[in-house]
Amino acid sequence: MILAVLSVVLILTVGGCACVVWTARGGPRWTHGAARATLAAGHVTTTLLRSRRSAARGGSDTDGGSD
């Protein structure tokens, strides 16, 4: 069961990345929506991972370095 879920997630991720590339090259209109959804999901994932990392460090979001 878990293998099926991971396979679907992998297929959606690869398909989303393909839509982002296709949109950048001027693809059909439907790829623009899929590309936006893929980029938004990536942004949400990045934000969640950063907040999780900062909470693990002790809650301080500023570490003196630059990103």
PDB file of N, CA and C in Angstrom:
ATOM      1  N   MET A   1       0.820  -1.194   0.000  1.00  0.00           N
ATOM      2  CA  MET A   1       0.000   0.000   0.000  1.00  0.00           C
ATOM      3  C   MET A   1       0.867   1.264   0.000  1.00  0.00           C
ATOM      4  N   ILE A   2       1.898   1.282   0.867  1.00  0.00           N
ATOM      5  CA  ILE A   2       2.757   2.452   0.941  1.00  0.00           C
ATOM      6  C   ILE A   2       3.523   2.637  -0.364  1.00  0.00           C
ATOM      7  N   LEU A   3       3.856   1.521  -1.013  1.00  0.00           N
ATOM      8  CA  LEU A   3       4.558   1.602  -2.299  1.00  0.00           C
ATOM      9  C   LEU A   3       3.675   2.258  -3.354  1.00  0.00           C
ATOM     10  N   ALA A   4       2.396   1.970  -3.336  1.00  0.00           N
ATOM     11  CA  ALA A   4       1.469   2.583  -4.281  1.00  0.00           C
ATOM     12  C   ALA A   4       1.357   4.084  -4.041  1.00  0.00           C
ATOM     13  N   VAL A   5       1.282   4.490  -2.788  1.00  0.00           N
ATOM     14  CA  VAL A   5       1.181   5.918  -2.453  1.00  0.00           C
ATOM     15  C   VAL A   5       2.456   6.655  -2.878  1.00  0.00           C
ATOM     16  N   LEU A   6       3.603   6.072  -2.573  1.00  0.00           N
ATOM     17  CA  LEU A   6       4.864   6.698  -2.968  1.00  0.00           C
ATOM     18  C   LEU A   6       5.018   6.762  -4.484  1.00  0.00           C
ATOM     19  N   SER A   7       4.532   5.753  -5.183  1.00  0.00           N
ATOM     20  CA  SER A   7       4.587   5.762  -6.649  1.00  0.00           C
ATOM     21  C   SER A   7       3.732   6.886  -7.219  1.00  0.00           C
ATOM     22  N   VAL A   8       2.554   7.083  -6.652  1.00  0.00           N
ATOM     23  CA  VAL A   8       1.676   8.159  -7.114  1.00  0.00           C
ATOM     24  C   VAL A   8       2.314   9.516  -6.837  1.00  0.00           C
ATOM     25  N   VAL A   9       2.902   9.681  -5.671  1.00  0.00           N
ATOM     26  CA  VAL A   9       3.562  10.948  -5.336  1.00  0.00           C
ATOM     27  C   VAL A   9       4.719  11.199  -6.302  1.00  0.00           C
ATOM     28  N   LEU A  10       5.498  10.181  -6.614  1.00  0.00           N
ATOM     29  CA  LEU A  10       6.603  10.328  -7.551  1.00  0.00           C
ATOM     30  C   LEU A  10       6.111  10.710  -8.937  1.00  0.00           C
ATOM     31  N   ILE A  11       5.061  10.062  -9.404  1.00  0.00           N
ATOM     32  CA  ILE A  11       4.510  10.367 -10.728  1.00  0.00           C
ATOM     33  C   ILE A  11       3.991  11.805 -10.775  1.00  0.00           C
ATOM     34  N   LEU A  12       3.290  12.241  -9.722  1.00  0.00           N
ATOM     35  CA  LEU A  12       2.787  13.612  -9.681  1.00  0.00           C
ATOM     36  C   LEU A  12       3.925  14.627  -9.640  1.00  0.00           C
ATOM     37  N   THR A  13       4.989  14.307  -8.914  1.00  0.00           N
ATOM     38  CA  THR A  13       6.131  15.212  -8.830  1.00  0.00           C
ATOM     39  C   THR A  13       6.830  15.346 -10.180  1.00  0.00           C
ATOM     40  N   VAL A  14       7.083  14.240 -10.825  1.00  0.00           N
ATOM     41  CA  VAL A  14       7.739  14.275 -12.139  1.00  0.00           C
ATOM     42  C   VAL A  14       6.842  14.975 -13.160  1.00  0.00           C
ATOM     43  N   GLY A  15       5.553  14.683 -13.125  1.00  0.00           N
ATOM     44  CA  GLY A  15       4.624  15.352 -14.032  1.00  0.00           C
ATOM     45  C   GLY A  15       4.555  16.851 -13.785  1.00  0.00           C
ATOM     46  N   GLY A  16       4.575  17.245 -12.530  1.00  0.00           N
ATOM     47  CA  GLY A  16       4.557  18.672 -12.194  1.00  0.00           C
ATOM     48  C   GLY A  16       5.804  19.379 -12.677  1.00  0.00           C
ATOM     49  N   CYS A  17       6.949  18.745 -12.496  1.00  0.00           N
ATOM     50  CA  CYS A  17       8.207  19.340 -12.980  1.00  0.00           C
ATOM     51  C   CYS A  17       8.198  19.453 -14.502  1.00  0.00           C
ATOM     52  N   ALA A  18       7.655  18.452 -15.162  1.00  0.00           N
ATOM     53  CA  ALA A  18       7.547  18.509 -16.628  1.00  0.00           C
ATOM     54  C   ALA A  18       6.646  19.666 -17.053  1.00  0.00           C
ATOM     55  N   CYS A  19       5.568  19.897 -16.333  1.00  0.00           N
ATOM     56  CA  CYS A  19       4.675  21.013 -16.653  1.00  0.00           C
ATOM     57  C   CYS A  19       5.361  22.358 -16.444  1.00  0.00           C
ATOM     58  N   VAL A  20       6.187  22.465 -15.412  1.00  0.00           N
ATOM     59  CA  VAL A  20       6.912  23.716 -15.171  1.00  0.00           C
ATOM     60  C   VAL A  20       7.848  24.001 -16.351  1.00  0.00           C
ATOM     61  N   VAL A  21       8.569  22.988 -16.796  1.00  0.00           N
ATOM     62  CA  VAL A  21       9.488  23.167 -17.929  1.00  0.00           C
ATOM     63  C   VAL A  21       8.708  23.470 -19.202  1.00  0.00           C
ATOM     64  N   TRP A  22       7.624  22.744 -19.426  1.00  0.00           N
ATOM     65  CA  TRP A  22       6.817  22.932 -20.632  1.00  0.00           C
ATOM     66  C   TRP A  22       6.204  24.330 -20.661  1.00  0.00           C
ATOM     67  N   THR A  23       5.762  24.821 -19.499  1.00  0.00           N
ATOM     68  CA  THR A  23       5.197  26.163 -19.412  1.00  0.00           C
ATOM     69  C   THR A  23       6.254  27.220 -19.718  1.00  0.00           C
ATOM     70  N   ALA A  24       7.466  27.003 -19.219  1.00  0.00           N
ATOM     71  CA  ALA A  24       8.545  27.955 -19.472  1.00  0.00           C
ATOM     72  C   ALA A  24       8.866  28.037 -20.968  1.00  0.00           C
ATOM     73  N   ARG A  25       8.594  26.967 -21.697  1.00  0.00           N
ATOM     74  CA  ARG A  25       8.849  26.950 -23.131  1.00  0.00           C
ATOM     75  C   ARG A  25       7.610  27.345 -23.942  1.00  0.00           C
ATOM     76  N   GLY A  26       6.565  27.795 -23.259  1.00  0.00           N
ATOM     77  CA  GLY A  26       5.369  28.269 -23.953  1.00  0.00           C
ATOM     78  C   GLY A  26       4.382  27.172 -24.277  1.00  0.00           C
ATOM     79  N   GLY A  27       4.175  26.269 -23.358  1.00  0.00           N
ATOM     80  CA  GLY A  27       3.268  25.146 -23.570  1.00  0.00           C
ATOM     81  C   GLY A  27       1.805  25.563 -23.579  1.00  0.00           C
ATOM     82  N   PRO A  28       0.923  24.580 -23.690  1.00  0.00           N
ATOM     83  CA  PRO A  28      -0.517  24.871 -23.704  1.00  0.00           C
ATOM     84  C   PRO A  28      -0.986  25.496 -22.386  1.00  0.00           C
ATOM     85  N   ARG A  29      -2.167  26.086 -22.435  1.00  0.00           N
ATOM     86  CA  ARG A  29      -2.685  26.837 -21.291  1.00  0.00           C
ATOM     87  C   ARG A  29      -2.858  25.975 -20.041  1.00  0.00           C
ATOM     88  N   TRP A  30      -3.257  24.701 -20.201  1.00  0.00           N
ATOM     89  CA  TRP A  30      -3.511  23.870 -19.022  1.00  0.00           C
ATOM     90  C   TRP A  30      -2.230  23.598 -18.236  1.00  0.00           C
ATOM     91  N   THR A  31      -1.083  23.670 -18.893  1.00  0.00           N
ATOM     92  CA  THR A  31       0.159  23.430 -18.165  1.00  0.00           C
ATOM     93  C   THR A  31       0.483  24.566 -17.207  1.00  0.00           C
ATOM     94  N   HIS A  32      -0.040  25.760 -17.468  1.00  0.00           N
ATOM     95  CA  HIS A  32       0.220  26.902 -16.585  1.00  0.00           C
ATOM     96  C   HIS A  32      -0.379  26.656 -15.198  1.00  0.00           C
ATOM     97  N   GLY A  33      -1.576  26.106 -15.145  1.00  0.00           N
ATOM     98  CA  GLY A  33      -2.203  25.796 -13.857  1.00  0.00           C
ATOM     99  C   GLY A  33      -1.458  24.701 -13.109  1.00  0.00           C
ATOM    100  N   ALA A  34      -1.057  23.669 -13.835  1.00  0.00           N
ATOM    101  CA  ALA A  34      -0.303  22.581 -13.207  1.00  0.00           C
ATOM    102  C   ALA A  34       1.052  23.079 -12.710  1.00  0.00           C
ATOM    103  N   ALA A  35       1.680  23.968 -13.472  1.00  0.00           N
ATOM    104  CA  ALA A  35       2.972  24.524 -13.062  1.00  0.00           C
ATOM    105  C   ALA A  35       2.815  25.390 -11.819  1.00  0.00           C
ATOM    106  N   ARG A  36       1.751  26.194 -11.763  1.00  0.00           N
ATOM    107  CA  ARG A  36       1.504  27.021 -10.586  1.00  0.00           C
ATOM    108  C   ARG A  36       1.283  26.158  -9.352  1.00  0.00           C
ATOM    109  N   ALA A  37       0.508  25.090  -9.512  1.00  0.00           N
ATOM    110  CA  ALA A  37       0.244  24.194  -8.381  1.00  0.00           C
ATOM    111  C   ALA A  37       1.531  23.519  -7.911  1.00  0.00           C
ATOM    112  N   THR A  38       2.377  23.116  -8.851  1.00  0.00           N
ATOM    113  CA  THR A  38       3.643  22.474  -8.491  1.00  0.00           C
ATOM    114  C   THR A  38       4.557  23.441  -7.753  1.00  0.00           C
ATOM    115  N   LEU A  39       4.672  24.662  -8.263  1.00  0.00           N
ATOM    116  CA  LEU A  39       5.527  25.653  -7.614  1.00  0.00           C
ATOM    117  C   LEU A  39       4.988  26.030  -6.234  1.00  0.00           C
ATOM    118  N   ALA A  40       3.665  26.119  -6.103  1.00  0.00           N
ATOM    119  CA  ALA A  40       3.069  26.433  -4.799  1.00  0.00           C
ATOM    120  C   ALA A  40       3.327  25.305  -3.798  1.00  0.00           C
ATOM    121  N   ALA A  41       3.201  24.060  -4.242  1.00  0.00           N
ATOM    122  CA  ALA A  41       3.466  22.923  -3.356  1.00  0.00           C
ATOM    123  C   ALA A  41       4.928  22.921  -2.917  1.00  0.00           C
ATOM    124  N   GLY A  42       5.825  23.252  -3.821  1.00  0.00           N
ATOM    125  CA  GLY A  42       7.241  23.337  -3.467  1.00  0.00           C
ATOM    126  C   GLY A  42       7.512  24.437  -2.467  1.00  0.00           C
ATOM    127  N   HIS A  43       6.835  25.566  -2.640  1.00  0.00           N
ATOM    128  CA  HIS A  43       7.004  26.687  -1.710  1.00  0.00           C
ATOM    129  C   HIS A  43       6.484  26.323  -0.320  1.00  0.00           C
ATOM    130  N   VAL A  44       5.333  25.687  -0.272  1.00  0.00           N
ATOM    131  CA  VAL A  44       4.759  25.272   1.021  1.00  0.00           C
ATOM    132  C   VAL A  44       5.678  24.268   1.703  1.00  0.00           C
ATOM    133  N   THR A  45       6.190  23.304   0.942  1.00  0.00           N
ATOM    134  CA  THR A  45       7.092  22.301   1.508  1.00  0.00           C
ATOM    135  C   THR A  45       8.353  22.950   2.068  1.00  0.00           C
ATOM    136  N   THR A  46       8.925  23.881   1.318  1.00  0.00           N
ATOM    137  CA  THR A  46      10.130  24.572   1.774  1.00  0.00           C
ATOM    138  C   THR A  46       9.856  25.360   3.047  1.00  0.00           C
ATOM    139  N   THR A  47       8.733  26.053   3.093  1.00  0.00           N
ATOM    140  CA  THR A  47       8.376  26.834   4.272  1.00  0.00           C
ATOM    141  C   THR A  47       8.194  25.933   5.494  1.00  0.00           C
ATOM    142  N   LEU A  48       7.511  24.815   5.312  1.00  0.00           N
ATOM    143  CA  LEU A  48       7.295  23.898   6.434  1.00  0.00           C
ATOM    144  C   LEU A  48       8.612  23.306   6.929  1.00  0.00           C
ATOM    145  N   LEU A  49       9.502  22.950   6.018  1.00  0.00           N
ATOM    146  CA  LEU A  49      10.780  22.378   6.425  1.00  0.00           C
ATOM    147  C   LEU A  49      11.639  23.405   7.155  1.00  0.00           C
ATOM    148  N   ARG A  50      11.598  24.653   6.708  1.00  0.00           N
ATOM    149  CA  ARG A  50      12.376  25.700   7.386  1.00  0.00           C
ATOM    150  C   ARG A  50      11.843  25.947   8.788  1.00  0.00           C
ATOM    151  N   SER A  51      10.526  25.985   8.942  1.00  0.00           N
ATOM    152  CA  SER A  51       9.965  26.231  10.267  1.00  0.00           C
ATOM    153  C   SER A  51      10.246  25.053  11.195  1.00  0.00           C
ATOM    154  N   ARG A  52      10.253  23.866  10.654  1.00  0.00           N
ATOM    155  CA  ARG A  52      10.552  22.681  11.456  1.00  0.00           C
ATOM    156  C   ARG A  52      12.010  22.704  11.910  1.00  0.00           C
ATOM    157  N   ARG A  53      12.903  23.117  11.001  1.00  0.00           N
ATOM    158  CA  ARG A  53      14.324  23.196  11.342  1.00  0.00           C
ATOM    159  C   ARG A  53      14.583  24.257  12.408  1.00  0.00           C
ATOM    160  N   SER A  54      13.900  25.398  12.272  1.00  0.00           N
ATOM    161  CA  SER A  54      14.129  26.462  13.251  1.00  0.00           C
ATOM    162  C   SER A  54      13.578  26.062  14.617  1.00  0.00           C
ATOM    163  N   ALA A  55      12.493  25.317  14.654  1.00  0.00           N
ATOM    164  CA  ALA A  55      11.941  24.852  15.923  1.00  0.00           C
ATOM    165  C   ALA A  55      12.890  23.844  16.568  1.00  0.00           C
ATOM    166  N   ALA A  56      13.551  23.031  15.771  1.00  0.00           N
ATOM    167  CA  ALA A  56      14.492  22.044  16.297  1.00  0.00           C
ATOM    168  C   ALA A  56      15.749  22.719  16.846  1.00  0.00           C
ATOM    169  N   ARG A  57      16.077  23.901  16.317  1.00  0.00           N
ATOM    170  CA  ARG A  57      17.259  24.627  16.783  1.00  0.00           C
ATOM    171  C   ARG A  57      16.991  25.404  18.051  1.00  0.00           C
ATOM    172  N   GLY A  58      15.759  25.497  18.447  1.00  0.00           N
ATOM    173  CA  GLY A  58      15.449  26.228  19.666  1.00  0.00           C
ATOM    174  C   GLY A  58      14.538  27.404  19.433  1.00  0.00           C
ATOM    175  N   GLY A  59      13.946  27.497  18.256  1.00  0.00           N
ATOM    176  CA  GLY A  59      12.982  28.545  17.977  1.00  0.00           C
ATOM    177  C   GLY A  59      13.547  29.804  17.415  1.00  0.00           C
ATOM    178  N   SER A  60      14.848  29.957  17.368  1.00  0.00           N
ATOM    179  CA  SER A  60      15.446  31.158  16.822  1.00  0.00           C
ATOM    180  C   SER A  60      15.496  31.056  15.305  1.00  0.00           C
ATOM    181  N   ASP A  61      14.890  32.011  14.625  1.00  0.00           N
ATOM    182  CA  ASP A  61      14.857  31.991  13.168  1.00  0.00           C
ATOM    183  C   ASP A  61      16.070  32.695  12.566  1.00  0.00           C
ATOM    184  N   THR A  62      16.791  33.465  13.372  1.00  0.00           N
ATOM    185  CA  THR A  62      17.979  34.152  12.866  1.00  0.00           C
ATOM    186  C   THR A  62      19.211  33.455  13.409  1.00  0.00           C
ATOM    187  N   ASP A  63      20.063  33.028  12.498  1.00  0.00           N
ATOM    188  CA  ASP A  63      21.261  32.320  12.925  1.00  0.00           C
ATOM    189  C   ASP A  63      22.535  33.103  12.605  1.00  0.00           C
ATOM    190  N   GLY A  64      22.384  34.333  12.132  1.00  0.00           N
ATOM    191  CA  GLY A  64      23.546  35.148  11.841  1.00  0.00           C
ATOM    192  C   GLY A  64      24.104  34.922  10.454  1.00  0.00           C
ATOM    193  N   GLY A  65      23.655  33.899   9.753  1.00  0.00           N
ATOM    194  CA  GLY A  65      24.134  33.616   8.404  1.00  0.00           C
ATOM    195  C   GLY A  65      23.167  34.118   7.366  1.00  0.00           C
ATOM    196  N   SER A  66      23.529  33.952   6.127  1.00  0.00           N
ATOM    197  CA  SER A  66      22.643  34.370   5.045  1.00  0.00           C
ATOM    198  C   SER A  66      22.254  33.161   4.226  1.00  0.00           C
ATOM    199  N   ASP A  67      21.032  33.196   3.686  1.00  0.00           N
ATOM    200  CA  ASP A  67      20.520  32.100   2.850  1.00  0.00           C
ATOM    201  C   ASP A  67      20.839  32.300   1.409  1.00  0.00           C
TER     202      ASP A  67
END
